[in-house]
Amino acid sequence: MGALQRVQKGQLLLSFRAFGPRDERHQVRQGDQHQNPDNDQNHQQFRQGKVIKDLRAGDVPSFMERLKAFFAGIPYELNDDTERHYQVIFYLVFRLMGQFVDAEVRSAKGRADAVVKTKDRIYVFEFKLNGTAEEALAQIETQGYLEPYAVDARQKVAVGINFNKETRNIDRYLVK
């Protein structure tokens, strides 16, 4: 039968029923608690869709703090020091939580790194690595990344994010 997988509240849960009696399953789950996401403070701050709730509510500062906590928990060996690395992680976080996100969104003048749409808002994100949040925000404006959504009644939000190569995290962000 193998491990059973099911999705519950955006989490992938594994059941080990097929691998042995109940106490073996309990030992496997208890034996490596440092791998248990329920014991990880960064994971606690990020999980349960709070990041999505923040975004849906328009609370960008809280959303960004949760995102910083998430990036801080990624082992440094997994970082390839490219802007695309952060873009892919950003994209995957939203996709796995069931939130609409699109990457490399083309418009008449260029491509936005990410677009997230909620019921009330459209967020356009531009990322820089060792640049500035000002440069990222300026690119959204000069390239007109919000223009394709001009007739949409939802609030438009531009978010410029700079990632720092040394800290491997969000350095600064600006919202307009």
Protein backbone atom coordinates (compact mmCIF):
# COMPACT_ATOMS: atom_id res chain seq x y z
CA MET A 1 0.00 0.00 0.00
CA GLY A 2 2.86 2.46 0.73
CA ALA A 3 2.64 5.80 2.43
CA LEU A 4 -0.72 7.47 2.13
CA GLN A 5 -0.68 11.13 1.23
CA ARG A 6 -3.41 13.65 1.80
CA VAL A 7 -3.58 17.42 1.73
CA GLN A 8 -5.06 19.25 4.68
CA LYS A 9 -4.91 23.03 5.08
CA GLY A 10 -2.09 23.36 2.59
CA GLN A 11 0.14 20.78 4.27
CA LEU A 12 1.28 17.47 2.88
CA LEU A 13 0.75 14.87 5.57
CA LEU A 14 2.08 11.33 5.48
CA SER A 15 0.53 8.33 7.14
CA PHE A 16 2.78 5.36 7.82
CA ARG A 17 0.07 2.76 8.43
CA ALA A 18 1.43 0.43 5.76
CA PHE A 19 4.92 0.36 7.28
CA GLY A 20 4.24 -1.42 10.53
CA PRO A 21 2.31 -1.52 13.77
CA ARG A 22 1.17 1.63 15.49
CA ASP A 23 4.15 1.87 17.86
CA GLU A 24 6.66 1.64 14.99
CA ARG A 25 4.82 4.47 13.27
CA HIS A 26 4.88 6.44 16.52
CA GLN A 27 8.63 5.85 16.94
CA VAL A 28 9.34 7.02 13.39
CA ARG A 29 7.34 10.18 13.90
CA GLN A 30 8.78 10.89 17.37
CA GLY A 31 12.34 9.78 16.65
CA ASP A 32 13.29 12.71 14.49
CA GLN A 33 11.45 15.63 16.04
CA HIS A 34 13.84 18.23 14.67
CA GLN A 35 12.44 17.32 11.24
CA ASN A 36 8.86 17.72 12.46
CA PRO A 37 7.55 21.03 11.07
CA ASP A 38 5.30 21.42 14.12
CA ASN A 39 8.46 21.92 16.23
CA ASP A 40 10.02 24.52 13.93
CA GLN A 41 9.40 28.13 15.01
CA ASN A 42 9.95 29.57 11.51
CA HIS A 43 7.45 27.07 10.15
CA GLN A 44 4.96 27.95 12.92
CA GLN A 45 5.15 31.64 11.98
CA PHE A 46 4.57 30.84 8.33
CA ARG A 47 2.07 27.97 8.25
CA GLN A 48 -1.70 27.65 8.42
CA GLY A 49 -2.20 30.04 5.57
CA LYS A 50 -1.46 33.11 7.68
CA VAL A 51 0.73 34.43 4.91
CA ILE A 52 -2.22 34.21 2.54
CA LYS A 53 -4.55 35.81 5.10
CA ASP A 54 -2.12 38.71 5.44
CA LEU A 55 -1.97 39.21 1.70
CA ARG A 56 -5.74 38.97 1.29
CA ALA A 57 -6.16 41.57 4.04
CA GLY A 58 -3.63 43.89 2.40
CA ASP A 59 -1.23 43.55 5.35
CA VAL A 60 2.00 43.57 3.35
CA PRO A 61 4.32 44.19 6.35
CA SER A 62 3.05 41.06 8.16
CA PHE A 63 3.19 39.08 4.92
CA MET A 64 6.79 40.15 4.36
CA GLU A 65 7.82 39.29 7.93
CA ARG A 66 6.41 35.78 7.49
CA LEU A 67 8.19 35.46 4.17
CA LYS A 68 11.47 36.57 5.80
CA ALA A 69 11.04 33.90 8.48
CA PHE A 70 10.47 31.32 5.76
CA PHE A 71 13.57 32.31 3.77
CA ALA A 72 15.63 32.33 6.99
CA GLY A 73 14.84 28.65 7.45
CA ILE A 74 16.19 27.53 4.06
CA PRO A 75 19.60 25.84 4.43
CA TYR A 76 22.37 27.89 2.83
CA GLU A 77 23.55 24.90 0.76
CA LEU A 78 20.29 25.03 -1.21
CA ASN A 79 20.83 28.62 -2.37
CA ASP A 80 22.27 29.09 -5.85
CA ASP A 81 22.82 32.87 -5.53
CA THR A 82 20.48 33.87 -8.36
CA GLU A 83 17.40 36.06 -8.48
CA ARG A 84 15.55 33.14 -10.08
CA HIS A 85 16.17 31.04 -6.93
CA TYR A 86 14.08 33.47 -4.85
CA GLN A 87 11.48 33.82 -7.58
CA VAL A 88 10.98 30.04 -7.79
CA ILE A 89 10.62 29.70 -4.01
CA PHE A 90 8.15 32.60 -3.94
CA TYR A 91 6.14 30.99 -6.74
CA LEU A 92 6.12 27.55 -5.10
CA VAL A 93 5.02 28.91 -1.72
CA PHE A 94 1.89 30.40 -3.26
CA ARG A 95 1.14 27.46 -5.52
CA LEU A 96 1.40 24.98 -2.67
CA MET A 97 -0.94 27.10 -0.56
CA GLY A 98 -3.52 27.17 -3.32
CA GLN A 99 -3.23 30.91 -3.98
CA PHE A 100 -3.23 32.21 -7.55
CA VAL A 101 0.27 33.22 -8.58
CA ASP A 102 1.87 33.62 -11.97
CA ALA A 103 5.55 34.15 -12.77
CA GLU A 104 7.28 35.99 -15.59
CA VAL A 105 4.02 37.71 -16.50
CA ARG A 106 4.45 39.32 -19.90
CA SER A 107 3.13 42.73 -20.81
CA ALA A 108 3.77 45.14 -23.66
CA LYS A 109 7.04 46.41 -22.13
CA GLY A 110 8.48 43.48 -20.22
CA ARG A 111 7.85 40.78 -17.65
CA ALA A 112 6.85 41.07 -14.00
CA ASP A 113 8.57 38.55 -11.75
CA ALA A 114 5.31 37.54 -10.05
CA VAL A 115 1.64 38.48 -9.96
CA VAL A 116 -0.62 37.37 -7.11
CA LYS A 117 -4.36 37.91 -7.38
CA THR A 118 -6.74 37.88 -4.44
CA LYS A 119 -10.44 38.70 -4.30
CA ASP A 120 -9.77 42.38 -3.56
CA ARG A 121 -6.22 43.03 -4.78
CA ILE A 122 -3.72 42.42 -7.54
CA TYR A 123 -0.11 42.37 -6.38
CA VAL A 124 2.74 42.78 -8.83
CA PHE A 125 6.12 41.78 -7.44
CA GLU A 126 9.52 42.61 -8.86
CA PHE A 127 12.64 41.06 -7.34
CA LYS A 128 16.24 42.22 -7.31
CA LEU A 129 19.28 40.40 -5.98
CA ASN A 130 21.84 42.77 -4.49
CA GLY A 131 20.08 45.68 -6.13
CA THR A 132 17.60 47.91 -4.36
CA ALA A 133 13.91 47.81 -3.54
CA GLU A 134 13.73 51.24 -5.21
CA GLU A 135 15.02 49.77 -8.48
CA ALA A 136 12.49 46.94 -8.28
CA LEU A 137 9.58 49.32 -7.63
CA ALA A 138 10.76 51.70 -10.37
CA GLN A 139 10.83 48.81 -12.84
CA ILE A 140 7.19 47.99 -12.08
CA GLU A 141 6.29 51.62 -12.80
CA THR A 142 8.49 52.30 -15.85
CA GLN A 143 7.67 48.97 -17.50
CA GLY A 144 3.95 49.40 -16.81
CA TYR A 145 3.49 46.01 -15.18
CA LEU A 146 0.22 47.18 -13.57
CA GLU A 147 -1.24 48.59 -16.80
CA PRO A 148 -2.82 45.33 -18.03
CA TYR A 149 -5.00 45.40 -14.90
CA ALA A 150 -6.15 49.05 -15.28
CA VAL A 151 -9.82 48.16 -15.88
CA ASP A 152 -9.93 45.56 -13.10
CA ALA A 153 -11.82 46.96 -10.08
CA ARG A 154 -9.44 45.39 -7.58
CA GLN A 155 -6.84 47.49 -5.78
CA LYS A 156 -3.43 47.33 -7.47
CA VAL A 157 -0.35 46.95 -5.30
CA ALA A 158 3.25 47.16 -6.53
CA VAL A 159 5.88 45.48 -4.34
CA GLY A 160 9.59 45.87 -5.03
CA ILE A 161 11.75 43.39 -3.13
CA ASN A 162 15.53 43.29 -2.85
CA PHE A 163 17.19 40.05 -1.74
CA ASN A 164 20.64 40.13 -0.18
CA LYS A 165 23.17 37.55 -1.39
CA GLU A 166 25.04 37.56 1.93
CA THR A 167 22.06 37.09 4.25
CA ARG A 168 20.15 34.97 1.71
CA ASN A 169 16.98 36.80 2.64
CA ILE A 170 14.81 39.81 1.96
CA ASP A 171 16.94 42.89 2.51
CA ARG A 172 14.32 45.57 1.91
CA TYR A 173 10.94 45.99 0.26
CA LEU A 174 8.80 48.91 -0.84
CA VAL A 175 5.07 49.01 -1.48
CA LYS A 176 3.09 51.42 -3.61
